[in-house]
N, C-alpha and C. Protein backbone atom coordinates (compact mmCIF):
# COMPACT_ATOMS: atom_id res chain seq x y z
N ASP A 1 -218.13 -38.76 131.09
CA ASP A 1 -216.40 -39.16 130.82
C ASP A 1 -216.84 -40.54 131.06
N ALA A 2 -215.69 -41.11 130.57
CA ALA A 2 -215.64 -42.79 130.03
C ALA A 2 -214.61 -42.88 131.37
N MET A 3 -214.86 -43.72 131.87
CA MET A 3 -213.10 -44.47 132.58
C MET A 3 -212.55 -45.49 132.75
N LEU A 4 -212.14 -45.90 132.22
CA LEU A 4 -211.40 -47.34 132.13
C LEU A 4 -210.87 -47.40 133.39
N VAL A 5 -211.48 -48.93 134.37
CA VAL A 5 -210.69 -49.14 135.96
C VAL A 5 -210.44 -50.21 135.53
N VAL A 6 -209.29 -50.79 135.89
CA VAL A 6 -208.78 -51.54 135.61
C VAL A 6 -207.69 -52.24 137.09
N SER A 7 -208.28 -53.06 137.16
CA SER A 7 -207.36 -53.49 138.95
C SER A 7 -206.01 -55.37 138.30
N PRO A 8 -205.27 -54.76 139.61
CA PRO A 8 -204.39 -55.79 139.01
C PRO A 8 -204.22 -56.56 140.11
N GLN A 9 -203.78 -58.34 139.85
CA GLN A 9 -204.20 -59.59 140.02
C GLN A 9 -203.65 -60.13 140.52
N CYS A 10 -203.69 -60.21 142.07
CA CYS A 10 -203.12 -60.18 143.19
C CYS A 10 -203.63 -61.72 143.45
N SER A 11 -202.11 -61.84 144.62
CA SER A 11 -201.74 -63.90 144.37
C SER A 11 -201.02 -63.50 145.76
N TRP A 12 -201.02 -64.19 146.39
CA TRP A 12 -200.23 -64.60 147.78
C TRP A 12 -198.81 -66.09 147.38
N GLN A 13 -197.53 -65.18 147.82
CA GLN A 13 -196.37 -65.86 147.66
C GLN A 13 -195.83 -66.02 148.60
N ASP A 14 -195.41 -67.27 149.33
CA ASP A 14 -194.30 -67.27 150.05
C ASP A 14 -194.54 -65.84 151.18
N GLY A 15 -195.74 -65.63 151.59
CA GLY A 15 -196.26 -65.54 152.69
C GLY A 15 -196.33 -63.13 151.60
N GLU A 16 -196.00 -63.14 150.97
CA GLU A 16 -196.43 -62.19 150.29
C GLU A 16 -196.91 -61.20 149.67
N LEU A 17 -197.73 -60.18 148.78
CA LEU A 17 -198.70 -59.80 147.80
C LEU A 17 -197.79 -59.55 147.01
N MET A 18 -198.11 -60.88 145.89
CA MET A 18 -197.81 -60.51 144.51
C MET A 18 -198.51 -59.78 143.47
N THR A 19 -198.26 -59.20 142.82
CA THR A 19 -199.51 -58.17 142.04
C THR A 19 -198.76 -59.34 140.48
N LYS A 20 -199.59 -59.09 139.69
CA LYS A 20 -199.41 -59.35 138.49
C LYS A 20 -200.03 -58.05 138.06
N LYS A 21 -199.37 -57.85 136.57
CA LYS A 21 -200.65 -56.44 135.68
C LYS A 21 -200.92 -57.12 134.22
N ASN A 22 -202.09 -55.90 134.39
CA ASN A 22 -202.77 -56.92 133.47
C ASN A 22 -201.96 -55.75 131.94
N ARG A 23 -202.20 -57.30 131.50
CA ARG A 23 -201.90 -57.02 129.98
C ARG A 23 -202.65 -56.29 128.81
N ILE A 24 -202.13 -55.59 127.66
CA ILE A 24 -202.67 -54.99 126.82
C ILE A 24 -201.53 -54.72 125.43
N LEU A 25 -202.58 -55.24 124.46
CA LEU A 25 -201.82 -55.84 122.96
C LEU A 25 -201.95 -54.57 122.18
N VAL A 26 -201.48 -53.86 122.05
CA VAL A 26 -201.44 -52.33 120.84
C VAL A 26 -201.22 -53.08 119.10
N VAL A 27 -202.15 -53.55 118.27
CA VAL A 27 -202.34 -53.72 117.20
C VAL A 27 -202.52 -52.21 116.58
N ASP A 28 -201.38 -52.02 115.27
CA ASP A 28 -201.13 -50.85 114.46
C ASP A 28 -200.56 -50.72 113.60
N ASP A 29 -200.31 -50.43 112.47
CA ASP A 29 -199.43 -50.25 110.82
C ASP A 29 -198.03 -49.74 111.31
N ASP A 30 -198.74 -48.08 111.98
CA ASP A 30 -197.61 -47.37 112.15
C ASP A 30 -196.70 -47.49 113.28
N ALA A 31 -195.62 -47.91 113.05
CA ALA A 31 -194.08 -47.97 114.19
C ALA A 31 -194.96 -46.91 114.79
N ASP A 32 -194.66 -45.43 114.84
CA ASP A 32 -194.70 -44.45 115.93
C ASP A 32 -195.67 -44.42 116.67
N ILE A 33 -196.69 -45.12 115.91
CA ILE A 33 -197.87 -44.60 117.20
C ILE A 33 -198.09 -45.83 118.25
N ARG A 34 -197.66 -47.63 117.50
CA ARG A 34 -196.87 -48.14 118.32
C ARG A 34 -196.62 -47.57 119.81
N LYS A 35 -195.45 -47.28 119.58
CA LYS A 35 -194.39 -46.65 120.53
C LYS A 35 -195.30 -45.61 120.67
N LEU A 36 -195.85 -45.11 120.38
CA LEU A 36 -196.67 -43.71 121.39
C LEU A 36 -197.32 -44.83 122.51
N MET A 37 -198.23 -45.40 120.89
CA MET A 37 -199.37 -46.93 123.17
C MET A 37 -198.35 -46.39 124.13
N ARG A 38 -197.31 -47.08 123.46
CA ARG A 38 -196.81 -48.36 124.16
C ARG A 38 -196.02 -47.32 125.59
N ASN A 39 -196.17 -46.49 125.18
CA ASN A 39 -195.32 -45.23 126.29
C ASN A 39 -196.27 -44.99 126.97
N ILE A 40 -197.56 -44.47 126.36
CA ILE A 40 -198.43 -43.72 127.76
C ILE A 40 -199.30 -45.18 128.21
N LEU A 41 -199.65 -46.07 127.94
CA LEU A 41 -199.73 -47.67 128.70
C LEU A 41 -199.48 -48.09 129.75
N SER A 42 -198.11 -48.20 129.51
CA SER A 42 -197.10 -48.75 129.91
C SER A 42 -196.76 -48.05 131.51
N THR A 43 -196.83 -48.64 132.46
CA THR A 43 -197.11 -48.50 133.70
C THR A 43 -196.93 -49.66 134.93
N ASP A 44 -197.18 -49.54 136.11
CA ASP A 44 -196.83 -50.16 136.91
C ASP A 44 -198.25 -51.23 137.21
N LEU A 45 -199.20 -50.80 136.76
CA LEU A 45 -200.05 -51.38 136.45
C LEU A 45 -200.69 -52.61 135.15
N PHE A 46 -199.50 -52.19 133.77
CA PHE A 46 -199.96 -52.16 132.61
C PHE A 46 -199.08 -52.68 132.41
N GLU A 47 -198.56 -54.33 131.79
CA GLU A 47 -196.89 -54.06 130.74
C GLU A 47 -197.84 -54.57 129.07
N VAL A 48 -197.46 -53.14 128.09
CA VAL A 48 -198.19 -53.47 127.51
C VAL A 48 -196.80 -54.13 126.20
N GLU A 49 -197.69 -55.25 125.18
CA GLU A 49 -197.03 -55.18 123.81
C GLU A 49 -198.02 -55.05 122.91
N THR A 50 -196.93 -54.66 121.20
CA THR A 50 -197.25 -54.74 120.17
C THR A 50 -197.05 -55.30 119.05
N ALA A 51 -197.88 -55.29 117.80
CA ALA A 51 -198.02 -56.23 116.55
C ALA A 51 -198.25 -55.18 116.05
N CYS A 52 -197.62 -55.28 114.62
CA CYS A 52 -198.14 -54.44 113.63
C CYS A 52 -199.57 -54.73 112.17
N ASP A 53 -199.72 -56.21 111.95
CA ASP A 53 -200.23 -56.65 111.98
C ASP A 53 -201.43 -57.64 112.71
N GLY A 54 -202.54 -58.51 111.59
CA GLY A 54 -203.68 -58.74 112.35
C GLY A 54 -202.85 -60.27 112.45
N VAL A 55 -202.42 -60.90 111.75
CA VAL A 55 -200.97 -61.74 112.04
C VAL A 55 -200.14 -62.14 113.01
N GLU A 56 -199.41 -60.99 113.60
CA GLU A 56 -198.54 -60.87 114.43
C GLU A 56 -199.39 -61.07 115.26
N ALA A 57 -200.26 -60.36 115.67
CA ALA A 57 -201.55 -60.02 116.77
C ALA A 57 -202.22 -61.55 116.70
N SER A 58 -202.46 -61.98 115.62
CA SER A 58 -203.20 -63.54 116.36
C SER A 58 -201.56 -64.57 117.67
N THR A 59 -200.81 -64.24 117.06
CA THR A 59 -199.74 -65.44 117.56
C THR A 59 -199.81 -64.85 118.98
N LYS A 60 -199.59 -63.17 119.19
CA LYS A 60 -199.29 -62.71 120.30
C LYS A 60 -201.07 -62.36 121.29
N ILE A 61 -202.01 -63.39 121.00
CA ILE A 61 -202.98 -63.88 121.46
C ILE A 61 -202.91 -64.50 122.00
N TRP A 62 -202.85 -64.89 121.02
CA TRP A 62 -202.71 -66.84 121.59
C TRP A 62 -201.99 -67.41 122.81
N ASN A 63 -200.32 -66.73 122.47
CA ASN A 63 -199.14 -66.93 123.29
C ASN A 63 -199.57 -66.06 124.86
N TRP A 64 -200.11 -65.31 124.69
CA TRP A 64 -199.82 -64.34 125.53
C TRP A 64 -200.68 -63.26 126.14
N GLN A 65 -202.00 -63.83 125.62
CA GLN A 65 -204.15 -63.81 126.60
C GLN A 65 -203.68 -62.46 127.46
N PRO A 66 -203.66 -61.40 126.52
CA PRO A 66 -203.83 -59.66 127.23
C PRO A 66 -205.15 -59.64 127.29
N HIS A 67 -205.84 -59.13 128.50
CA HIS A 67 -206.44 -58.85 128.53
C HIS A 67 -207.38 -57.85 128.24
N LEU A 68 -206.52 -56.58 127.45
CA LEU A 68 -207.68 -55.48 125.80
C LEU A 68 -206.56 -55.81 125.43
N VAL A 69 -207.16 -55.34 123.80
CA VAL A 69 -206.52 -55.09 121.93
C VAL A 69 -207.02 -54.13 120.99
N VAL A 70 -206.38 -53.43 121.16
CA VAL A 70 -206.29 -51.95 120.86
C VAL A 70 -206.09 -51.95 119.36
N LEU A 71 -207.29 -51.31 118.52
CA LEU A 71 -206.58 -52.07 117.78
C LEU A 71 -207.18 -50.77 116.47
N ASP A 72 -205.55 -50.63 115.61
CA ASP A 72 -206.34 -49.27 114.66
C ASP A 72 -206.77 -49.36 114.05
N PHE A 73 -208.82 -48.83 113.51
CA PHE A 73 -209.22 -49.10 113.01
C PHE A 73 -209.42 -48.60 112.16
N MET A 74 -207.84 -47.20 111.11
CA MET A 74 -208.04 -47.52 109.88
C MET A 74 -206.05 -48.41 109.16
N MET A 75 -206.27 -49.65 109.85
CA MET A 75 -205.45 -50.02 109.55
C MET A 75 -205.66 -50.96 108.12
N PRO A 76 -204.52 -51.12 106.82
CA PRO A 76 -204.89 -51.40 105.67
C PRO A 76 -205.33 -52.75 106.25
N GLY A 77 -206.04 -53.96 105.33
CA GLY A 77 -206.02 -54.80 105.47
C GLY A 77 -207.03 -55.15 106.92
N LEU A 78 -207.85 -54.42 107.52
CA LEU A 78 -208.19 -54.66 108.44
C LEU A 78 -209.03 -55.94 109.03
N MET A 79 -210.24 -56.24 107.89
CA MET A 79 -211.63 -57.28 108.25
C MET A 79 -210.41 -58.35 108.44
N MET A 80 -209.13 -58.76 107.55
CA MET A 80 -208.84 -59.44 107.15
C MET A 80 -208.22 -59.26 108.85
N ASP A 81 -207.26 -58.86 108.98
CA ASP A 81 -207.20 -58.56 110.90
C ASP A 81 -207.81 -59.25 111.23
N LEU A 82 -208.27 -58.09 111.03
CA LEU A 82 -209.81 -58.83 112.40
C LEU A 82 -210.74 -60.60 112.30
N ARG A 83 -210.32 -61.02 111.40
CA ARG A 83 -210.32 -62.50 111.57
C ARG A 83 -209.88 -63.43 112.01
N SER A 84 -208.17 -62.64 111.63
CA SER A 84 -207.03 -63.38 112.35
C SER A 84 -207.10 -62.80 113.71
N VAL A 85 -207.21 -61.89 114.19
CA VAL A 85 -207.43 -61.48 115.96
C VAL A 85 -208.28 -62.20 116.50
N ARG A 86 -209.89 -62.30 115.67
CA ARG A 86 -211.37 -62.50 116.30
C ARG A 86 -211.01 -64.31 116.24
N SER A 87 -210.31 -65.04 115.70
CA SER A 87 -209.97 -66.36 115.87
C SER A 87 -209.17 -67.01 116.80
N CYS A 88 -208.89 -65.94 118.15
CA CYS A 88 -207.43 -67.04 118.69
C CYS A 88 -208.60 -66.09 120.13
N THR A 89 -209.32 -65.08 120.13
CA THR A 89 -209.38 -64.40 121.41
C THR A 89 -211.12 -64.97 122.19
N THR A 90 -211.22 -64.48 123.14
CA THR A 90 -212.37 -65.21 123.69
C THR A 90 -213.40 -64.07 124.07
N ALA A 91 -214.15 -64.37 124.51
CA ALA A 91 -215.26 -62.60 124.45
C ALA A 91 -215.17 -62.31 126.21
N SER A 92 -213.93 -62.69 126.82
CA SER A 92 -213.25 -62.23 127.98
C SER A 92 -211.99 -61.14 127.08
N SER A 93 -211.78 -61.10 126.12
CA SER A 93 -211.05 -60.83 125.87
C SER A 93 -211.20 -59.24 124.94
N PRO A 94 -211.49 -58.22 125.58
CA PRO A 94 -212.33 -56.85 124.39
C PRO A 94 -211.53 -57.02 124.31
N SER A 95 -211.79 -55.71 122.99
CA SER A 95 -211.23 -55.23 122.02
C SER A 95 -211.41 -54.33 122.15
N VAL A 96 -210.93 -52.80 121.39
CA VAL A 96 -210.84 -51.24 120.99
C VAL A 96 -210.65 -50.87 120.35
N PHE A 97 -211.74 -50.14 119.14
CA PHE A 97 -210.98 -49.86 117.94
C PHE A 97 -209.83 -48.22 117.88
N LEU A 98 -209.11 -48.09 117.46
CA LEU A 98 -208.03 -46.34 117.80
C LEU A 98 -208.51 -46.18 116.84
N SER A 99 -208.39 -44.27 116.33
CA SER A 99 -208.12 -43.98 114.56
C SER A 99 -207.81 -42.31 115.48
N SER A 100 -207.21 -42.09 114.46
CA SER A 100 -206.28 -40.82 114.09
C SER A 100 -207.44 -39.86 113.74
N LEU A 101 -208.79 -40.13 113.49
CA LEU A 101 -209.88 -39.58 112.81
C LEU A 101 -210.17 -38.11 113.73
C-alpha cells in the first residue's frame, strides 16, 4: 500500500506555534469531481483549490504555488493543458494524475 505523508509547515509567531496548511490544486473539467476531491482532501492539513483547465491551473499555480497538483488524466485537451501547467511549475511541485478508468 502506498501512503502519502505530508507534514504541515510550522513557524513561531509571537511565541505561538503557527501551522501552515499544505496546498493542493485539483485540475479537472468535471465540476462534480472537483467538488468531490475538494471535500475529500480538505482537512486541517490541506488547503484545496480547483481549476477546470490548464489555463486556470497555470494562473493558480503561478499565484498560489501549490505543494501538489492533481490532474485529470482523461481531461479533453490534456496535452495543451499540461504544457500550460508545466510552464509554471518547478521540480518541487509534484503532479499526480487522476483517472476514473
